[in-house]
Amino acid sequence: MINERTPPARNTPAQDAVQDFVAGAADADVKVKDPNAPRKFKTLTLPFNEYEWGLLEEGCNRFRRSKNGLIREALIEYVTRPLD
């Protein structure tokens, strides 16, 4: 003989509690990004050819920057410049 079971009744939250949760979830997704935060978010491996590597070393010597620092600064400059 099969013993049929009925699932227990679920507690449903009040409608205003659901609306408060939804409104709070939308606010929680907005984060202010800190430009001085530690650099532990992502890494990038970038292959170069000999010509590009020479240009990178020349730029590092000229501006007295590390290779990562020069690439990072150039990226920020390139992305934030206004469009012509």
C-alpha atoms as a PDB file:
ATOM      1  CA  MET A   1       0.000   0.000   0.000  1.00  0.00           C
ATOM      2  CA  ILE A   2       1.331   3.483  -0.950  1.00  0.00           C
ATOM      3  CA  ASN A   3       1.575   6.021   1.811  1.00  0.00           C
ATOM      4  CA  GLU A   4       0.876   9.390   0.214  1.00  0.00           C
ATOM      5  CA  ARG A   5       2.293  12.323   2.070  1.00  0.00           C
ATOM      6  CA  THR A   6       1.257  15.911   1.798  1.00  0.00           C
ATOM      7  CA  PRO A   7       4.040  18.490   1.863  1.00  0.00           C
ATOM      8  CA  PRO A   8       4.110  20.738   4.907  1.00  0.00           C
ATOM      9  CA  ALA A   9       2.562  24.161   4.503  1.00  0.00           C
ATOM     10  CA  ARG A  10       5.091  26.847   3.664  1.00  0.00           C
ATOM     11  CA  ASN A  11       5.250  30.120   5.473  1.00  0.00           C
ATOM     12  CA  THR A  12       4.707  32.898   2.976  1.00  0.00           C
ATOM     13  CA  PRO A  13       6.018  36.320   3.973  1.00  0.00           C
ATOM     14  CA  ALA A  14       3.789  39.350   4.004  1.00  0.00           C
ATOM     15  CA  GLN A  15       3.556  41.278   0.733  1.00  0.00           C
ATOM     16  CA  ASP A  16       5.059  44.465   2.215  1.00  0.00           C
ATOM     17  CA  ALA A  17       8.043  42.444   3.516  1.00  0.00           C
ATOM     18  CA  VAL A  18       8.608  41.118  -0.005  1.00  0.00           C
ATOM     19  CA  GLN A  19       8.474  44.659  -1.439  1.00  0.00           C
ATOM     20  CA  ASP A  20      10.995  45.876   1.174  1.00  0.00           C
ATOM     21  CA  PHE A  21      13.316  42.985   0.301  1.00  0.00           C
ATOM     22  CA  VAL A  22      13.106  43.728  -3.425  1.00  0.00           C
ATOM     23  CA  ALA A  23      13.777  47.437  -2.885  1.00  0.00           C
ATOM     24  CA  GLY A  24      16.766  46.670  -0.671  1.00  0.00           C
ATOM     25  CA  ALA A  25      18.199  44.173  -3.154  1.00  0.00           C
ATOM     26  CA  ALA A  26      18.262  46.795  -5.882  1.00  0.00           C
ATOM     27  CA  ASP A  27      20.239  49.158  -3.633  1.00  0.00           C
ATOM     28  CA  ALA A  28      22.709  46.454  -2.579  1.00  0.00           C
ATOM     29  CA  ASP A  29      23.832  45.818  -6.185  1.00  0.00           C
ATOM     30  CA  VAL A  30      25.210  49.332  -6.569  1.00  0.00           C
ATOM     31  CA  LYS A  31      28.840  49.425  -5.449  1.00  0.00           C
ATOM     32  CA  VAL A  32      31.190  52.359  -5.577  1.00  0.00           C
ATOM     33  CA  LYS A  33      34.450  51.162  -7.088  1.00  0.00           C
ATOM     34  CA  ASP A  34      37.574  52.350  -5.293  1.00  0.00           C
ATOM     35  CA  PRO A  35      40.458  53.217  -7.654  1.00  0.00           C
ATOM     36  CA  ASN A  36      42.912  52.662  -4.778  1.00  0.00           C
ATOM     37  CA  ALA A  37      41.619  49.216  -3.794  1.00  0.00           C
ATOM     38  CA  PRO A  38      44.113  46.334  -3.589  1.00  0.00           C
ATOM     39  CA  ARG A  39      44.768  44.693  -6.940  1.00  0.00           C
ATOM     40  CA  LYS A  40      43.431  41.240  -6.125  1.00  0.00           C
ATOM     41  CA  PHE A  41      40.390  41.220  -8.417  1.00  0.00           C
ATOM     42  CA  LYS A  42      41.675  39.806 -11.738  1.00  0.00           C
ATOM     43  CA  THR A  43      45.007  39.110 -13.432  1.00  0.00           C
ATOM     44  CA  LEU A  44      45.943  39.250 -17.065  1.00  0.00           C
ATOM     45  CA  THR A  45      48.610  37.437 -19.071  1.00  0.00           C
ATOM     46  CA  LEU A  46      49.476  39.473 -22.122  1.00  0.00           C
ATOM     47  CA  PRO A  47      51.825  38.111 -24.807  1.00  0.00           C
ATOM     48  CA  PHE A  48      54.054  40.599 -26.663  1.00  0.00           C
ATOM     49  CA  ASN A  49      56.156  40.372 -29.773  1.00  0.00           C
ATOM     50  CA  GLU A  50      59.753  41.643 -29.757  1.00  0.00           C
ATOM     51  CA  TYR A  51      58.844  45.056 -31.198  1.00  0.00           C
ATOM     52  CA  GLU A  52      56.083  45.684 -28.638  1.00  0.00           C
ATOM     53  CA  TRP A  53      58.328  44.537 -25.786  1.00  0.00           C
ATOM     54  CA  GLY A  54      61.011  46.996 -26.918  1.00  0.00           C
ATOM     55  CA  LEU A  55      58.476  49.826 -26.942  1.00  0.00           C
ATOM     56  CA  LEU A  56      57.299  48.842 -23.477  1.00  0.00           C
ATOM     57  CA  GLU A  57      60.843  48.825 -22.089  1.00  0.00           C
ATOM     58  CA  GLU A  58      61.569  52.169 -23.759  1.00  0.00           C
ATOM     59  CA  GLY A  59      58.469  53.672 -22.189  1.00  0.00           C
ATOM     60  CA  CYS A  60      59.396  52.246 -18.785  1.00  0.00           C
ATOM     61  CA  ASN A  61      62.854  53.796 -18.987  1.00  0.00           C
ATOM     62  CA  ARG A  62      61.523  57.133 -20.205  1.00  0.00           C
ATOM     63  CA  PHE A  63      58.782  57.493 -17.590  1.00  0.00           C
ATOM     64  CA  ARG A  64      60.588  55.552 -14.809  1.00  0.00           C
ATOM     65  CA  ARG A  65      57.629  53.233 -14.317  1.00  0.00           C
ATOM     66  CA  SER A  66      57.288  49.487 -13.951  1.00  0.00           C
ATOM     67  CA  LYS A  67      55.873  47.573 -16.892  1.00  0.00           C
ATOM     68  CA  ASN A  68      52.619  46.847 -15.059  1.00  0.00           C
ATOM     69  CA  GLY A  69      52.371  50.445 -13.868  1.00  0.00           C
ATOM     70  CA  LEU A  70      52.950  51.836 -17.344  1.00  0.00           C
ATOM     71  CA  ILE A  71      50.381  49.506 -18.921  1.00  0.00           C
ATOM     72  CA  ARG A  72      47.858  50.288 -16.170  1.00  0.00           C
ATOM     73  CA  GLU A  73      48.375  54.055 -16.504  1.00  0.00           C
ATOM     74  CA  ALA A  74      48.147  53.913 -20.314  1.00  0.00           C
ATOM     75  CA  LEU A  75      44.948  51.859 -20.095  1.00  0.00           C
ATOM     76  CA  ILE A  76      43.306  54.327 -17.740  1.00  0.00           C
ATOM     77  CA  GLU A  77      44.415  57.272 -19.887  1.00  0.00           C
ATOM     78  CA  TYR A  78      43.120  55.616 -23.059  1.00  0.00           C
ATOM     79  CA  VAL A  79      39.743  54.634 -21.630  1.00  0.00           C
ATOM     80  CA  THR A  80      38.992  57.901 -19.832  1.00  0.00           C
ATOM     81  CA  ARG A  81      39.959  60.298 -22.629  1.00  0.00           C
ATOM     82  CA  PRO A  82      37.073  62.059 -24.350  1.00  0.00           C
ATOM     83  CA  LEU A  83      35.997  60.857 -27.792  1.00  0.00           C
ATOM     84  CA  ASP A  84      36.800  63.132 -30.718  1.00  0.00           C
END
